[in-house]
Structure formats: C-alpha cells, structure tokens
C-alpha atoms as a PDB file:
ATOM      1  CA  UNK A   1      -5.905  21.788  13.236  1.00  0.00           C
ATOM      2  CA  UNK A   2      -2.178  19.753  12.581  1.00  0.00           C
ATOM      3  CA  UNK A   3      -2.932  16.077  13.885  1.00  0.00           C
ATOM      4  CA  UNK A   4       0.460  14.291  13.443  1.00  0.00           C
ATOM      5  CA  UNK A   5       3.659  14.368  15.416  1.00  0.00           C
ATOM      6  CA  UNK A   6       5.707  14.733  11.886  1.00  0.00           C
ATOM      7  CA  UNK A   7       3.715  17.230  10.296  1.00  0.00           C
ATOM      8  CA  UNK A   8       3.945  19.374  13.499  1.00  0.00           C
ATOM      9  CA  UNK A   9       7.470  18.871  13.743  1.00  0.00           C
ATOM     10  CA  UNK A  10       8.344  20.082  10.377  1.00  0.00           C
ATOM     11  CA  UNK A  11       6.153  23.110  10.481  1.00  0.00           C
ATOM     12  CA  UNK A  12       7.877  24.244  13.858  1.00  0.00           C
ATOM     13  CA  UNK A  13      11.192  23.461  12.578  1.00  0.00           C
ATOM     14  CA  UNK A  14      10.377  25.719   9.669  1.00  0.00           C
ATOM     15  CA  UNK A  15       9.929  28.415  11.505  1.00  0.00           C
ATOM     16  CA  UNK A  16      12.515  28.050  13.869  1.00  0.00           C
ATOM     17  CA  UNK A  17      14.459  28.098  10.232  1.00  0.00           C
ATOM     18  CA  UNK A  18      12.857  31.439   9.301  1.00  0.00           C
ATOM     19  CA  UNK A  19      13.699  32.834  12.699  1.00  0.00           C
ATOM     20  CA  UNK A  20      17.298  31.494  12.830  1.00  0.00           C
ATOM     21  CA  UNK A  21      17.826  32.948   9.400  1.00  0.00           C
ATOM     22  CA  UNK A  22      16.445  36.517  10.627  1.00  0.00           C
ATOM     23  CA  UNK A  23      19.152  35.789  13.631  1.00  0.00           C
ATOM     24  CA  UNK A  24      21.724  35.483  10.704  1.00  0.00           C
ATOM     25  CA  UNK A  25      21.054  38.494   8.875  1.00  0.00           C
ATOM     26  CA  UNK A  26      21.400  40.443  11.868  1.00  0.00           C
ATOM     27  CA  UNK A  27      24.562  39.203  12.492  1.00  0.00           C
ATOM     28  CA  UNK A  28      25.764  40.009   9.100  1.00  0.00           C
ATOM     29  CA  UNK A  29      24.443  43.496   9.445  1.00  0.00           C
ATOM     30  CA  UNK A  30      26.136  43.778  12.810  1.00  0.00           C
ATOM     31  CA  UNK A  31      29.229  42.918  10.726  1.00  0.00           C
ATOM     32  CA  UNK A  32      28.864  46.431   8.888  1.00  0.00           C
ATOM     33  CA  UNK A  33      27.160  44.561   5.485  1.00  0.00           C
ATOM     34  CA  UNK A  34      24.498  46.647   3.723  1.00  0.00           C
ATOM     35  CA  UNK A  35      22.908  43.637   2.283  1.00  0.00           C
ATOM     36  CA  UNK A  36      20.696  43.311   0.798  1.00  0.00           C
ATOM     37  CA  UNK A  37      20.743  47.159  -0.119  1.00  0.00           C
ATOM     38  CA  UNK A  38      23.271  49.335  -2.022  1.00  0.00           C
ATOM     39  CA  UNK A  39      24.643  51.034   1.192  1.00  0.00           C
ATOM     40  CA  UNK A  40      24.035  51.450   4.728  1.00  0.00           C
ATOM     41  CA  UNK A  41      21.960  54.397   4.568  1.00  0.00           C
ATOM     42  CA  UNK A  42      19.396  52.612   1.768  1.00  0.00           C
ATOM     43  CA  UNK A  43      19.694  49.521   4.338  1.00  0.00           C
ATOM     44  CA  UNK A  44      18.571  52.218   7.552  1.00  0.00           C
ATOM     45  CA  UNK A  45      15.609  53.572   5.142  1.00  0.00           C
ATOM     46  CA  UNK A  46      14.731  49.876   3.877  1.00  0.00           C
ATOM     47  CA  UNK A  47      15.157  47.745   7.191  1.00  0.00           C
ATOM     48  CA  UNK A  48      14.381  50.147  10.046  1.00  0.00           C
ATOM     49  CA  UNK A  49      12.500  53.178   8.198  1.00  0.00           C
ATOM     50  CA  UNK A  50      15.386  55.734   9.707  1.00  0.00           C
ATOM     51  CA  UNK A  51      17.957  57.818   8.589  1.00  0.00           C
ATOM     52  CA  UNK A  52      20.860  55.781  10.407  1.00  0.00           C
ATOM     53  CA  UNK A  53      21.129  52.085  10.914  1.00  0.00           C
ATOM     54  CA  UNK A  54      21.139  50.720  14.264  1.00  0.00           C
ATOM     55  CA  UNK A  55      24.781  50.064  15.370  1.00  0.00           C
ATOM     56  CA  UNK A  56      26.598  46.526  15.938  1.00  0.00           C
ATOM     57  CA  UNK A  57      25.272  46.378  19.599  1.00  0.00           C
ATOM     58  CA  UNK A  58      21.725  46.491  18.509  1.00  0.00           C
ATOM     59  CA  UNK A  59      21.842  44.174  16.112  1.00  0.00           C
ATOM     60  CA  UNK A  60      23.922  41.452  17.924  1.00  0.00           C
ATOM     61  CA  UNK A  61      20.984  42.233  20.683  1.00  0.00           C
ATOM     62  CA  UNK A  62      18.292  41.565  18.483  1.00  0.00           C
ATOM     63  CA  UNK A  63      20.189  38.365  16.640  1.00  0.00           C
ATOM     64  CA  UNK A  64      20.497  37.003  19.970  1.00  0.00           C
ATOM     65  CA  UNK A  65      16.734  37.396  20.727  1.00  0.00           C
ATOM     66  CA  UNK A  66      15.714  35.302  17.582  1.00  0.00           C
ATOM     67  CA  UNK A  67      18.360  33.015  18.271  1.00  0.00           C
ATOM     68  CA  UNK A  68      16.757  32.258  21.424  1.00  0.00           C
ATOM     69  CA  UNK A  69      13.427  32.401  19.903  1.00  0.00           C
ATOM     70  CA  UNK A  70      14.654  30.026  17.264  1.00  0.00           C
ATOM     71  CA  UNK A  71      15.772  27.519  20.148  1.00  0.00           C
ATOM     72  CA  UNK A  72      12.579  27.688  21.826  1.00  0.00           C
ATOM     73  CA  UNK A  73      10.387  27.126  18.775  1.00  0.00           C
ATOM     74  CA  UNK A  74      12.767  24.113  17.705  1.00  0.00           C
ATOM     75  CA  UNK A  75      13.228  22.334  20.810  1.00  0.00           C
ATOM     76  CA  UNK A  76      10.166  20.352  20.315  1.00  0.00           C
ATOM     77  CA  UNK A  77       9.878  20.384  24.008  1.00  0.00           C
ATOM     78  CA  UNK A  78       6.127  20.015  24.972  1.00  0.00           C
ATOM     79  CA  UNK A  79       6.732  21.397  28.949  1.00  0.00           C
ATOM     80  CA  UNK A  80       4.695  24.272  30.265  1.00  0.00           C
ATOM     81  CA  UNK A  81       7.657  26.298  30.214  1.00  0.00           C
ATOM     82  CA  UNK A  82       8.651  25.558  26.344  1.00  0.00           C
ATOM     83  CA  UNK A  83       5.000  26.160  25.569  1.00  0.00           C
ATOM     84  CA  UNK A  84       4.755  29.385  27.687  1.00  0.00           C
ATOM     85  CA  UNK A  85       8.227  30.573  25.241  1.00  0.00           C
ATOM     86  CA  UNK A  86       6.344  29.458  21.938  1.00  0.00           C
ATOM     87  CA  UNK A  87       3.363  31.656  22.892  1.00  0.00           C
ATOM     88  CA  UNK A  88       5.253  34.484  23.668  1.00  0.00           C
ATOM     89  CA  UNK A  89       7.524  33.937  20.526  1.00  0.00           C
ATOM     90  CA  UNK A  90       4.556  33.852  18.769  1.00  0.00           C
ATOM     91  CA  UNK A  91       2.730  36.595  20.237  1.00  0.00           C
ATOM     92  CA  UNK A  92       5.616  38.881  19.426  1.00  0.00           C
ATOM     93  CA  UNK A  93       5.683  38.229  16.132  1.00  0.00           C
ATOM     94  CA  UNK A  94       2.020  38.395  15.581  1.00  0.00           C
ATOM     95  CA  UNK A  95       1.630  41.904  17.137  1.00  0.00           C
ATOM     96  CA  UNK A  96       4.777  42.569  14.942  1.00  0.00           C
ATOM     97  CA  UNK A  97       2.825  41.301  11.812  1.00  0.00           C
ATOM     98  CA  UNK A  98      -0.229  42.696  12.621  1.00  0.00           C
ATOM     99  CA  UNK A  99       1.408  46.424  13.283  1.00  0.00           C
ATOM    100  CA  UNK A 100       2.999  46.490   9.743  1.00  0.00           C
ATOM    101  CA  UNK A 101       0.150  45.543   7.976  1.00  0.00           C
ATOM    102  CA  UNK A 102      -2.146  48.061   9.559  1.00  0.00           C
ATOM    103  CA  UNK A 103       0.718  50.535   9.217  1.00  0.00           C
ATOM    104  CA  UNK A 104       1.442  51.079  12.810  1.00  0.00           C
ATOM    105  CA  UNK A 105       4.686  49.864  13.280  1.00  0.00           C
ATOM    106  CA  UNK A 106       5.716  53.442  14.165  1.00  0.00           C
ATOM    107  CA  UNK A 107       4.216  52.756  17.442  1.00  0.00           C
ATOM    108  CA  UNK A 108       6.043  50.268  18.615  1.00  0.00           C
ATOM    109  CA  UNK A 109       9.537  52.251  17.694  1.00  0.00           C
ATOM    110  CA  UNK A 110      10.524  55.567  19.322  1.00  0.00           C
ATOM    111  CA  UNK A 111      10.724  57.661  15.669  1.00  0.00           C
ATOM    112  CA  UNK A 112       8.534  57.925  12.712  1.00  0.00           C
ATOM    113  CA  UNK A 113       9.456  54.959   9.515  1.00  0.00           C
ATOM    114  CA  UNK A 114      10.000  56.115   6.563  1.00  0.00           C
ATOM    115  CA  UNK A 115       7.463  55.674   3.592  1.00  0.00           C
ATOM    116  CA  UNK A 116       9.445  53.510   1.640  1.00  0.00           C
ATOM    117  CA  UNK A 117       9.682  51.154   5.242  1.00  0.00           C
ATOM    118  CA  UNK A 118       5.764  51.185   5.587  1.00  0.00           C
ATOM    119  CA  UNK A 119       5.024  50.089   2.033  1.00  0.00           C
ATOM    120  CA  UNK A 120       7.968  46.978   2.616  1.00  0.00           C
ATOM    121  CA  UNK A 121       6.671  46.476   5.704  1.00  0.00           C
ATOM    122  CA  UNK A 122       3.562  45.883   4.375  1.00  0.00           C
ATOM    123  CA  UNK A 123       4.019  43.439   1.834  1.00  0.00           C
ATOM    124  CA  UNK A 124       6.929  41.446   3.083  1.00  0.00           C
ATOM    125  CA  UNK A 125       8.067  41.781   6.741  1.00  0.00           C
ATOM    126  CA  UNK A 126       4.153  41.858   8.151  1.00  0.00           C
ATOM    127  CA  UNK A 127       3.245  38.933   5.952  1.00  0.00           C
ATOM    128  CA  UNK A 128       6.701  37.096   7.191  1.00  0.00           C
ATOM    129  CA  UNK A 129       6.025  37.948  10.768  1.00  0.00           C
ATOM    130  CA  UNK A 130       2.153  36.563  10.659  1.00  0.00           C
ATOM    131  CA  UNK A 131       3.836  33.314   8.838  1.00  0.00           C
ATOM    132  CA  UNK A 132       6.347  32.850  11.419  1.00  0.00           C
ATOM    133  CA  UNK A 133       3.310  33.013  14.170  1.00  0.00           C
ATOM    134  CA  UNK A 134       1.033  30.660  12.156  1.00  0.00           C
ATOM    135  CA  UNK A 135       4.142  28.108  12.040  1.00  0.00           C
ATOM    136  CA  UNK A 136       4.912  28.398  15.656  1.00  0.00           C
ATOM    137  CA  UNK A 137       1.323  27.874  16.831  1.00  0.00           C
ATOM    138  CA  UNK A 138       0.702  25.344  14.010  1.00  0.00           C
ATOM    139  CA  UNK A 139       4.317  23.655  15.012  1.00  0.00           C
ATOM    140  CA  UNK A 140       3.887  23.389  18.510  1.00  0.00           C
ATOM    141  CA  UNK A 141       3.502  19.916  20.353  1.00  0.00           C
ATOM    142  CA  UNK A 142       0.479  18.954  21.986  1.00  0.00           C
ATOM    143  CA  UNK A 143      -0.239  19.492  25.830  1.00  0.00           C
ATOM    144  CA  UNK A 144      -0.155  16.225  27.607  1.00  0.00           C
ATOM    145  CA  UNK A 145      -3.619  15.320  29.169  1.00  0.00           C
END
C-alpha cells in the first residue's frame, strides 16, 4: 500500500499522463496519420485488428473519453464522485487488459480481431492497460475518515 501523499500523487499523474498520451494518439489518427504503421491498412490490422481503420469521428470519440479519464485520474480530488470516477476508469482498463491477455478482446468488439492484433494485444496493449489500472488504483487519494 502506498502511504505517502506525494508518492500516490506521482502514481496518479503517471497514470493520467499515459491515458492522455493515448488520447493524443487517437487525435493524431483522427487527422489521417498512420503512425506508427506504414499505412492506414497496416494501422487497422495492428491497432484495431480489422481490415479498415475506424474513421475520424470514432477516433475523436475515443480521444474524448480518454481525455476525460485522464482528467478524472489526474485531478487528485478525494470526494465520492472522484473516487467513483477513478474506480470506473480502473475498471474499464482492467477489463480491457484482462480481455487482451486471455485473447478475449474479440468479445468486446463486433468483429473478429486479426491474429496479428491478438499477438500485439497480448504483448503490448493489455500490459499497458493493466499498468494504467494499477497506477490509477495505487495513486488514488485515500478516503477521509
């Protein structure tokens, strides 16, 4: 258990920064960028496990949700609403991370992810999601008694 306020704050801000970074990448993809892939088709396979990459509206929607999650995690508030918000963010990232580790991401999306995506998901995306989960939970301010 993390006991110092400063250490919890650093963990919380690290989690918020990772989430904000993911939001930024989704904004980049909304502009048409294929980074870090060579082209949009490869990006679709590696990032979504699909034949076509989601359009700009979907990318902006995900970016907006991620940005909101980053604010919730990074705000440092210890009120009931903030604690509930952080628990929700941690829960979503935990489900996403565990689904990827068990090759179950296909149960969360309406398509069958490519084999390449499943491999990258298990090695990269899922551990990242579970790391974010741990940072959010460990960095949460303690409830007042």
